[in-house]
Amino acid sequence: MARRDKHPKTKPVVVRWIDSMGTSGWNNLDKPTDMECTSVGHLIKKTKDRVTIAMNRSHYGNGDYMEIPMIAVKSIRKLKE
């Protein structure tokens, strides 16, 4: 018998965002070096300040949370589950 998913439903999303980065040594600052990242997870919460996604979901609940400041977010796209 299949186990029923009893925790609140969350929507799977793809979040594109810019991360911080640092360099050492000699560098050419004329070449842009953005650190665009892509994270996939279940949307837990979105506020004006941050988006929170969970990387894992099971009948026990959500796990491995990630919070991304909204100032760094380029896009949030919903996925079909």
PDB file of N, CA and C in Angstrom:
ATOM      1  N   MET A   1       0.839  -1.166   0.000  1.00  0.00           N
ATOM      2  CA  MET A   1       0.000   0.000   0.000  1.00  0.00           C
ATOM      3  C   MET A   1       0.893   1.240   0.000  1.00  0.00           C
ATOM      4  N   ALA A   2       0.619   2.179  -0.897  1.00  0.00           N
ATOM      5  CA  ALA A   2       1.418   3.398  -1.015  1.00  0.00           C
ATOM      6  C   ALA A   2       1.176   4.305   0.187  1.00  0.00           C
ATOM      7  N   ARG A   3       2.221   4.922   0.647  1.00  0.00           N
ATOM      8  CA  ARG A   3       2.120   5.859   1.765  1.00  0.00           C
ATOM      9  C   ARG A   3       1.587   7.189   1.243  1.00  0.00           C
ATOM     10  N   ARG A   4       0.636   7.756   1.937  1.00  0.00           N
ATOM     11  CA  ARG A   4       0.003   8.993   1.504  1.00  0.00           C
ATOM     12  C   ARG A   4       0.786  10.201   2.006  1.00  0.00           C
ATOM     13  N   ASP A   5       0.970  11.183   1.139  1.00  0.00           N
ATOM     14  CA  ASP A   5       1.691  12.404   1.467  1.00  0.00           C
ATOM     15  C   ASP A   5       0.768  13.301   2.289  1.00  0.00           C
ATOM     16  N   LYS A   6       1.034  13.417   3.605  1.00  0.00           N
ATOM     17  CA  LYS A   6       0.120  14.133   4.490  1.00  0.00           C
ATOM     18  C   LYS A   6       0.581  15.537   4.862  1.00  0.00           C
ATOM     19  N   HIS A   7       1.800  15.914   4.525  1.00  0.00           N
ATOM     20  CA  HIS A   7       2.247  17.254   4.893  1.00  0.00           C
ATOM     21  C   HIS A   7       1.741  18.277   3.871  1.00  0.00           C
ATOM     22  N   PRO A   8       1.744  19.568   4.226  1.00  0.00           N
ATOM     23  CA  PRO A   8       1.222  20.590   3.312  1.00  0.00           C
ATOM     24  C   PRO A   8       1.919  20.550   1.962  1.00  0.00           C
ATOM     25  N   LYS A   9       1.152  20.741   0.926  1.00  0.00           N
ATOM     26  CA  LYS A   9       1.700  20.740  -0.426  1.00  0.00           C
ATOM     27  C   LYS A   9       2.591  21.947  -0.634  1.00  0.00           C
ATOM     28  N   THR A  10       3.671  21.748  -1.345  1.00  0.00           N
ATOM     29  CA  THR A  10       4.562  22.829  -1.732  1.00  0.00           C
ATOM     30  C   THR A  10       4.724  22.780  -3.238  1.00  0.00           C
ATOM     31  N   LYS A  11       5.051  23.896  -3.832  1.00  0.00           N
ATOM     32  CA  LYS A  11       5.202  23.978  -5.282  1.00  0.00           C
ATOM     33  C   LYS A  11       6.681  23.877  -5.652  1.00  0.00           C
ATOM     34  N   PRO A  12       7.041  22.982  -6.592  1.00  0.00           N
ATOM     35  CA  PRO A  12       8.432  22.924  -7.040  1.00  0.00           C
ATOM     36  C   PRO A  12       8.752  24.142  -7.912  1.00  0.00           C
ATOM     37  N   VAL A  13       9.935  24.731  -7.693  1.00  0.00           N
ATOM     38  CA  VAL A  13      10.352  25.924  -8.414  1.00  0.00           C
ATOM     39  C   VAL A  13      11.821  25.838  -8.816  1.00  0.00           C
ATOM     40  N   VAL A  14      12.183  26.647  -9.804  1.00  0.00           N
ATOM     41  CA  VAL A  14      13.575  26.882 -10.182  1.00  0.00           C
ATOM     42  C   VAL A  14      13.862  28.336  -9.838  1.00  0.00           C
ATOM     43  N   VAL A  15      14.891  28.555  -9.026  1.00  0.00           N
ATOM     44  CA  VAL A  15      15.277  29.916  -8.640  1.00  0.00           C
ATOM     45  C   VAL A  15      16.634  30.223  -9.262  1.00  0.00           C
ATOM     46  N   ARG A  16      16.691  31.297 -10.057  1.00  0.00           N
ATOM     47  CA  ARG A  16      17.964  31.781 -10.599  1.00  0.00           C
ATOM     48  C   ARG A  16      18.381  32.980  -9.754  1.00  0.00           C
ATOM     49  N   TRP A  17      19.637  32.966  -9.281  1.00  0.00           N
ATOM     50  CA  TRP A  17      20.093  34.015  -8.376  1.00  0.00           C
ATOM     51  C   TRP A  17      21.587  34.254  -8.525  1.00  0.00           C
ATOM     52  N   ILE A  18      22.030  35.423  -8.048  1.00  0.00           N
ATOM     53  CA  ILE A  18      23.431  35.807  -8.124  1.00  0.00           C
ATOM     54  C   ILE A  18      24.061  35.646  -6.746  1.00  0.00           C
ATOM     55  N   ASP A  19      25.153  34.904  -6.688  1.00  0.00           N
ATOM     56  CA  ASP A  19      25.857  34.661  -5.432  1.00  0.00           C
ATOM     57  C   ASP A  19      27.017  35.643  -5.291  1.00  0.00           C
ATOM     58  N   SER A  20      27.492  35.807  -4.084  1.00  0.00           N
ATOM     59  CA  SER A  20      28.690  36.605  -3.824  1.00  0.00           C
ATOM     60  C   SER A  20      29.903  35.810  -4.259  1.00  0.00           C
ATOM     61  N   MET A  21      30.984  36.519  -4.547  1.00  0.00           N
ATOM     62  CA  MET A  21      32.226  35.824  -4.868  1.00  0.00           C
ATOM     63  C   MET A  21      33.395  36.714  -4.530  1.00  0.00           C
ATOM     64  N   GLY A  22      34.508  36.104  -4.332  1.00  0.00           N
ATOM     65  CA  GLY A  22      35.734  36.838  -4.068  1.00  0.00           C
ATOM     66  C   GLY A  22      36.860  36.265  -4.896  1.00  0.00           C
ATOM     67  N   THR A  23      37.869  37.057  -5.126  1.00  0.00           N
ATOM     68  CA  THR A  23      39.037  36.581  -5.869  1.00  0.00           C
ATOM     69  C   THR A  23      40.287  36.992  -5.105  1.00  0.00           C
ATOM     70  N   SER A  24      41.375  36.349  -5.423  1.00  0.00           N
ATOM     71  CA  SER A  24      42.656  36.742  -4.838  1.00  0.00           C
ATOM     72  C   SER A  24      43.676  36.810  -5.966  1.00  0.00           C
ATOM     73  N   GLY A  25      44.743  37.487  -5.728  1.00  0.00           N
ATOM     74  CA  GLY A  25      45.772  37.614  -6.753  1.00  0.00           C
ATOM     75  C   GLY A  25      45.426  38.707  -7.743  1.00  0.00           C
ATOM     76  N   TRP A  26      46.114  38.707  -8.859  1.00  0.00           N
ATOM     77  CA  TRP A  26      45.919  39.718  -9.901  1.00  0.00           C
ATOM     78  C   TRP A  26      44.710  39.348 -10.734  1.00  0.00           C
ATOM     79  N   ASN A  27      43.828  40.340 -10.965  1.00  0.00           N
ATOM     80  CA  ASN A  27      42.619  40.094 -11.741  1.00  0.00           C
ATOM     81  C   ASN A  27      42.347  41.254 -12.678  1.00  0.00           C
ATOM     82  N   ASN A  28      41.656  40.958 -13.759  1.00  0.00           N
ATOM     83  CA  ASN A  28      41.233  41.976 -14.709  1.00  0.00           C
ATOM     84  C   ASN A  28      39.778  42.309 -14.397  1.00  0.00           C
ATOM     85  N   LEU A  29      39.524  43.452 -13.809  1.00  0.00           N
ATOM     86  CA  LEU A  29      38.165  43.814 -13.421  1.00  0.00           C
ATOM     87  C   LEU A  29      37.309  44.273 -14.600  1.00  0.00           C
ATOM     88  N   ASP A  30      37.897  44.361 -15.803  1.00  0.00           N
ATOM     89  CA  ASP A  30      37.117  44.719 -16.994  1.00  0.00           C
ATOM     90  C   ASP A  30      36.225  43.562 -17.437  1.00  0.00           C
ATOM     91  N   LYS A  31      36.585  42.343 -17.054  1.00  0.00           N
ATOM     92  CA  LYS A  31      35.787  41.171 -17.408  1.00  0.00           C
ATOM     93  C   LYS A  31      34.795  40.890 -16.289  1.00  0.00           C
ATOM     94  N   PRO A  32      33.479  40.994 -16.561  1.00  0.00           N
ATOM     95  CA  PRO A  32      32.498  40.702 -15.499  1.00  0.00           C
ATOM     96  C   PRO A  32      32.567  39.235 -15.075  1.00  0.00           C
ATOM     97  N   THR A  33      32.385  39.023 -13.802  1.00  0.00           N
ATOM     98  CA  THR A  33      32.452  37.662 -13.266  1.00  0.00           C
ATOM     99  C   THR A  33      31.256  37.411 -12.370  1.00  0.00           C
ATOM    100  N   ASP A  34      30.065  37.395 -12.969  1.00  0.00           N
ATOM    101  CA  ASP A  34      28.898  37.134 -12.124  1.00  0.00           C
ATOM    102  C   ASP A  34      28.830  35.655 -11.778  1.00  0.00           C
ATOM    103  N   MET A  35      28.268  35.385 -10.653  1.00  0.00           N
ATOM    104  CA  MET A  35      28.141  34.022 -10.150  1.00  0.00           C
ATOM    105  C   MET A  35      26.673  33.628 -10.181  1.00  0.00           C
ATOM    106  N   GLU A  36      26.133  33.460 -11.391  1.00  0.00           N
ATOM    107  CA  GLU A  36      24.730  33.078 -11.485  1.00  0.00           C
ATOM    108  C   GLU A  36      24.567  31.621 -11.082  1.00  0.00           C
ATOM    109  N   CYS A  37      23.622  31.384 -10.185  1.00  0.00           N
ATOM    110  CA  CYS A  37      23.342  30.047  -9.670  1.00  0.00           C
ATOM    111  C   CYS A  37      21.906  29.661 -10.013  1.00  0.00           C
ATOM    112  N   THR A  38      21.654  28.380 -10.061  1.00  0.00           N
ATOM    113  CA  THR A  38      20.315  27.850 -10.253  1.00  0.00           C
ATOM    114  C   THR A  38      20.056  26.830  -9.166  1.00  0.00           C
ATOM    115  N   SER A  39      18.955  27.018  -8.436  1.00  0.00           N
ATOM    116  CA  SER A  39      18.563  26.077  -7.387  1.00  0.00           C
ATOM    117  C   SER A  39      17.151  25.587  -7.668  1.00  0.00           C
ATOM    118  N   VAL A  40      16.929  24.306  -7.448  1.00  0.00           N
ATOM    119  CA  VAL A  40      15.618  23.697  -7.642  1.00  0.00           C
ATOM    120  C   VAL A  40      15.151  23.165  -6.296  1.00  0.00           C
ATOM    121  N   GLY A  41      13.917  23.483  -5.933  1.00  0.00           N
ATOM    122  CA  GLY A  41      13.393  23.004  -4.664  1.00  0.00           C
ATOM    123  C   GLY A  41      11.903  23.274  -4.553  1.00  0.00           C
ATOM    124  N   HIS A  42      11.369  23.025  -3.388  1.00  0.00           N
ATOM    125  CA  HIS A  42       9.944  23.248  -3.119  1.00  0.00           C
ATOM    126  C   HIS A  42       9.795  24.579  -2.406  1.00  0.00           C
ATOM    127  N   LEU A  43       8.957  25.455  -2.958  1.00  0.00           N
ATOM    128  CA  LEU A  43       8.763  26.783  -2.392  1.00  0.00           C
ATOM    129  C   LEU A  43       8.075  26.674  -1.035  1.00  0.00           C
ATOM    130  N   ILE A  44       8.762  27.126   0.003  1.00  0.00           N
ATOM    131  CA  ILE A  44       8.230  27.094   1.355  1.00  0.00           C
ATOM    132  C   ILE A  44       7.642  28.447   1.725  1.00  0.00           C
ATOM    133  N   LYS A  45       8.396  29.514   1.419  1.00  0.00           N
ATOM    134  CA  LYS A  45       7.949  30.854   1.799  1.00  0.00           C
ATOM    135  C   LYS A  45       8.624  31.885   0.899  1.00  0.00           C
ATOM    136  N   LYS A  46       7.867  32.909   0.533  1.00  0.00           N
ATOM    137  CA  LYS A  46       8.413  34.021  -0.236  1.00  0.00           C
ATOM    138  C   LYS A  46       7.930  35.308   0.409  1.00  0.00           C
ATOM    139  N   THR A  47       8.878  36.158   0.817  1.00  0.00           N
ATOM    140  CA  THR A  47       8.551  37.454   1.395  1.00  0.00           C
ATOM    141  C   THR A  47       9.243  38.526   0.562  1.00  0.00           C
ATOM    142  N   LYS A  48       9.077  39.778   0.934  1.00  0.00           N
ATOM    143  CA  LYS A  48       9.748  40.849   0.192  1.00  0.00           C
ATOM    144  C   LYS A  48      11.262  40.785   0.377  1.00  0.00           C
ATOM    145  N   ASP A  49      11.725  40.114   1.447  1.00  0.00           N
ATOM    146  CA  ASP A  49      13.155  40.043   1.754  1.00  0.00           C
ATOM    147  C   ASP A  49      13.862  38.786   1.277  1.00  0.00           C
ATOM    148  N   ARG A  50      13.141  37.651   1.249  1.00  0.00           N
ATOM    149  CA  ARG A  50      13.822  36.390   0.924  1.00  0.00           C
ATOM    150  C   ARG A  50      12.851  35.332   0.412  1.00  0.00           C
ATOM    151  N   VAL A  51      13.428  34.356  -0.275  1.00  0.00           N
ATOM    152  CA  VAL A  51      12.670  33.183  -0.703  1.00  0.00           C
ATOM    153  C   VAL A  51      13.291  31.975  -0.012  1.00  0.00           C
ATOM    154  N   THR A  52      12.446  31.093   0.499  1.00  0.00           N
ATOM    155  CA  THR A  52      12.911  29.884   1.180  1.00  0.00           C
ATOM    156  C   THR A  52      12.429  28.683   0.397  1.00  0.00           C
ATOM    157  N   ILE A  53      13.375  27.809   0.045  1.00  0.00           N
ATOM    158  CA  ILE A  53      13.025  26.567  -0.648  1.00  0.00           C
ATOM    159  C   ILE A  53      13.563  25.388   0.150  1.00  0.00           C
ATOM    160  N   ALA A  54      12.884  24.254   0.007  1.00  0.00           N
ATOM    161  CA  ALA A  54      13.339  23.001   0.611  1.00  0.00           C
ATOM    162  C   ALA A  54      13.837  22.107  -0.515  1.00  0.00           C
ATOM    163  N   MET A  55      14.993  21.540  -0.331  1.00  0.00           N
ATOM    164  CA  MET A  55      15.577  20.683  -1.365  1.00  0.00           C
ATOM    165  C   MET A  55      14.948  19.298  -1.401  1.00  0.00           C
ATOM    166  N   ASN A  56      14.343  18.894  -0.277  1.00  0.00           N
ATOM    167  CA  ASN A  56      13.772  17.548  -0.174  1.00  0.00           C
ATOM    168  C   ASN A  56      12.381  17.603   0.436  1.00  0.00           C
ATOM    169  N   ARG A  57      11.556  16.623   0.068  1.00  0.00           N
ATOM    170  CA  ARG A  57      10.215  16.522   0.632  1.00  0.00           C
ATOM    171  C   ARG A  57       9.849  15.046   0.742  1.00  0.00           C
ATOM    172  N   SER A  58       9.254  14.674   1.876  1.00  0.00           N
ATOM    173  CA  SER A  58       8.779  13.306   2.060  1.00  0.00           C
ATOM    174  C   SER A  58       7.531  13.344   2.922  1.00  0.00           C
ATOM    175  N   HIS A  59       7.000  12.173   3.252  1.00  0.00           N
ATOM    176  CA  HIS A  59       5.822  12.128   4.119  1.00  0.00           C
ATOM    177  C   HIS A  59       6.162  12.599   5.538  1.00  0.00           C
ATOM    178  N   TYR A  60       7.469  12.681   5.869  1.00  0.00           N
ATOM    179  CA  TYR A  60       7.882  13.200   7.175  1.00  0.00           C
ATOM    180  C   TYR A  60       7.908  14.727   7.209  1.00  0.00           C
ATOM    181  N   GLY A  61       7.955  15.359   6.048  1.00  0.00           N
ATOM    182  CA  GLY A  61       8.006  16.821   5.968  1.00  0.00           C
ATOM    183  C   GLY A  61       9.061  17.276   4.976  1.00  0.00           C
ATOM    184  N   ASN A  62       9.479  18.517   5.119  1.00  0.00           N
ATOM    185  CA  ASN A  62      10.481  19.113   4.234  1.00  0.00           C
ATOM    186  C   ASN A  62      11.835  19.115   4.913  1.00  0.00           C
ATOM    187  N   GLY A  63      12.899  19.120   4.102  1.00  0.00           N
ATOM    188  CA  GLY A  63      14.242  19.131   4.669  1.00  0.00           C
ATOM    189  C   GLY A  63      15.226  19.868   3.797  1.00  0.00           C
ATOM    190  N   ASP A  64      16.376  20.173   4.378  1.00  0.00           N
ATOM    191  CA  ASP A  64      17.475  20.864   3.692  1.00  0.00           C
ATOM    192  C   ASP A  64      16.997  22.185   3.094  1.00  0.00           C
ATOM    193  N   TYR A  65      16.696  23.141   3.975  1.00  0.00           N
ATOM    194  CA  TYR A  65      16.199  24.449   3.558  1.00  0.00           C
ATOM    195  C   TYR A  65      17.321  25.341   3.035  1.00  0.00           C
ATOM    196  N   MET A  66      16.950  26.229   2.120  1.00  0.00           N
ATOM    197  CA  MET A  66      17.865  27.242   1.616  1.00  0.00           C
ATOM    198  C   MET A  66      17.106  28.558   1.550  1.00  0.00           C
ATOM    199  N   GLU A  67      17.695  29.608   2.108  1.00  0.00           N
ATOM    200  CA  GLU A  67      17.102  30.938   2.034  1.00  0.00           C
ATOM    201  C   GLU A  67      17.977  31.805   1.133  1.00  0.00           C
ATOM    202  N   ILE A  68      17.333  32.482   0.188  1.00  0.00           N
ATOM    203  CA  ILE A  68      18.051  33.334  -0.758  1.00  0.00           C
ATOM    204  C   ILE A  68      17.491  34.746  -0.618  1.00  0.00           C
ATOM    205  N   PRO A  69      18.351  35.748  -0.389  1.00  0.00           N
ATOM    206  CA  PRO A  69      17.856  37.122  -0.311  1.00  0.00           C
ATOM    207  C   PRO A  69      17.226  37.538  -1.647  1.00  0.00           C
ATOM    208  N   MET A  70      16.075  38.193  -1.592  1.00  0.00           N
ATOM    209  CA  MET A  70      15.370  38.596  -2.816  1.00  0.00           C
ATOM    210  C   MET A  70      16.198  39.549  -3.665  1.00  0.00           C
ATOM    211  N   ILE A  71      17.083  40.318  -3.056  1.00  0.00           N
ATOM    212  CA  ILE A  71      17.914  41.239  -3.818  1.00  0.00           C
ATOM    213  C   ILE A  71      18.828  40.484  -4.793  1.00  0.00           C
ATOM    214  N   ALA A  72      19.107  39.208  -4.494  1.00  0.00           N
ATOM    215  CA  ALA A  72      19.967  38.394  -5.349  1.00  0.00           C
ATOM    216  C   ALA A  72      19.180  37.580  -6.380  1.00  0.00           C
ATOM    217  N   VAL A  73      17.847  37.494  -6.243  1.00  0.00           N
ATOM    218  CA  VAL A  73      17.025  36.640  -7.103  1.00  0.00           C
ATOM    219  C   VAL A  73      16.782  37.308  -8.454  1.00  0.00           C
ATOM    220  N   LYS A  74      17.103  36.574  -9.527  1.00  0.00           N
ATOM    221  CA  LYS A  74      16.819  37.046 -10.888  1.00  0.00           C
ATOM    222  C   LYS A  74      15.450  36.569 -11.357  1.00  0.00           C
ATOM    223  N   SER A  75      15.085  35.329 -10.998  1.00  0.00           N
ATOM    224  CA  SER A  75      13.783  34.802 -11.414  1.00  0.00           C
ATOM    225  C   SER A  75      13.395  33.605 -10.561  1.00  0.00           C
ATOM    226  N   ILE A  76      12.075  33.382 -10.488  1.00  0.00           N
ATOM    227  CA  ILE A  76      11.506  32.201  -9.846  1.00  0.00           C
ATOM    228  C   ILE A  76      10.486  31.642 -10.831  1.00  0.00           C
ATOM    229  N   ARG A  77      10.689  30.396 -11.221  1.00  0.00           N
ATOM    230  CA  ARG A  77       9.785  29.771 -12.192  1.00  0.00           C
ATOM    231  C   ARG A  77       9.173  28.512 -11.587  1.00  0.00           C
ATOM    232  N   LYS A  78       7.847  28.425 -11.660  1.00  0.00           N
ATOM    233  CA  LYS A  78       7.156  27.234 -11.151  1.00  0.00           C
ATOM    234  C   LYS A  78       7.357  26.066 -12.096  1.00  0.00           C
ATOM    235  N   LEU A  79       7.468  24.863 -11.530  1.00  0.00           N
ATOM    236  CA  LEU A  79       7.576  23.628 -12.296  1.00  0.00           C
ATOM    237  C   LEU A  79       6.317  22.806 -12.094  1.00  0.00           C
ATOM    238  N   LYS A  80       6.030  21.942 -13.038  1.00  0.00           N
ATOM    239  CA  LYS A  80       4.944  20.990 -12.860  1.00  0.00           C
ATOM    240  C   LYS A  80       5.440  19.861 -11.991  1.00  0.00           C
ATOM    241  N   GLU A  81       4.604  19.410 -11.077  1.00  0.00           N
ATOM    242  CA  GLU A  81       4.997  18.333 -10.174  1.00  0.00           C
ATOM    243  C   GLU A  81       4.657  16.991 -10.771  1.00  0.00           C
TER     244      GLU A  81
END
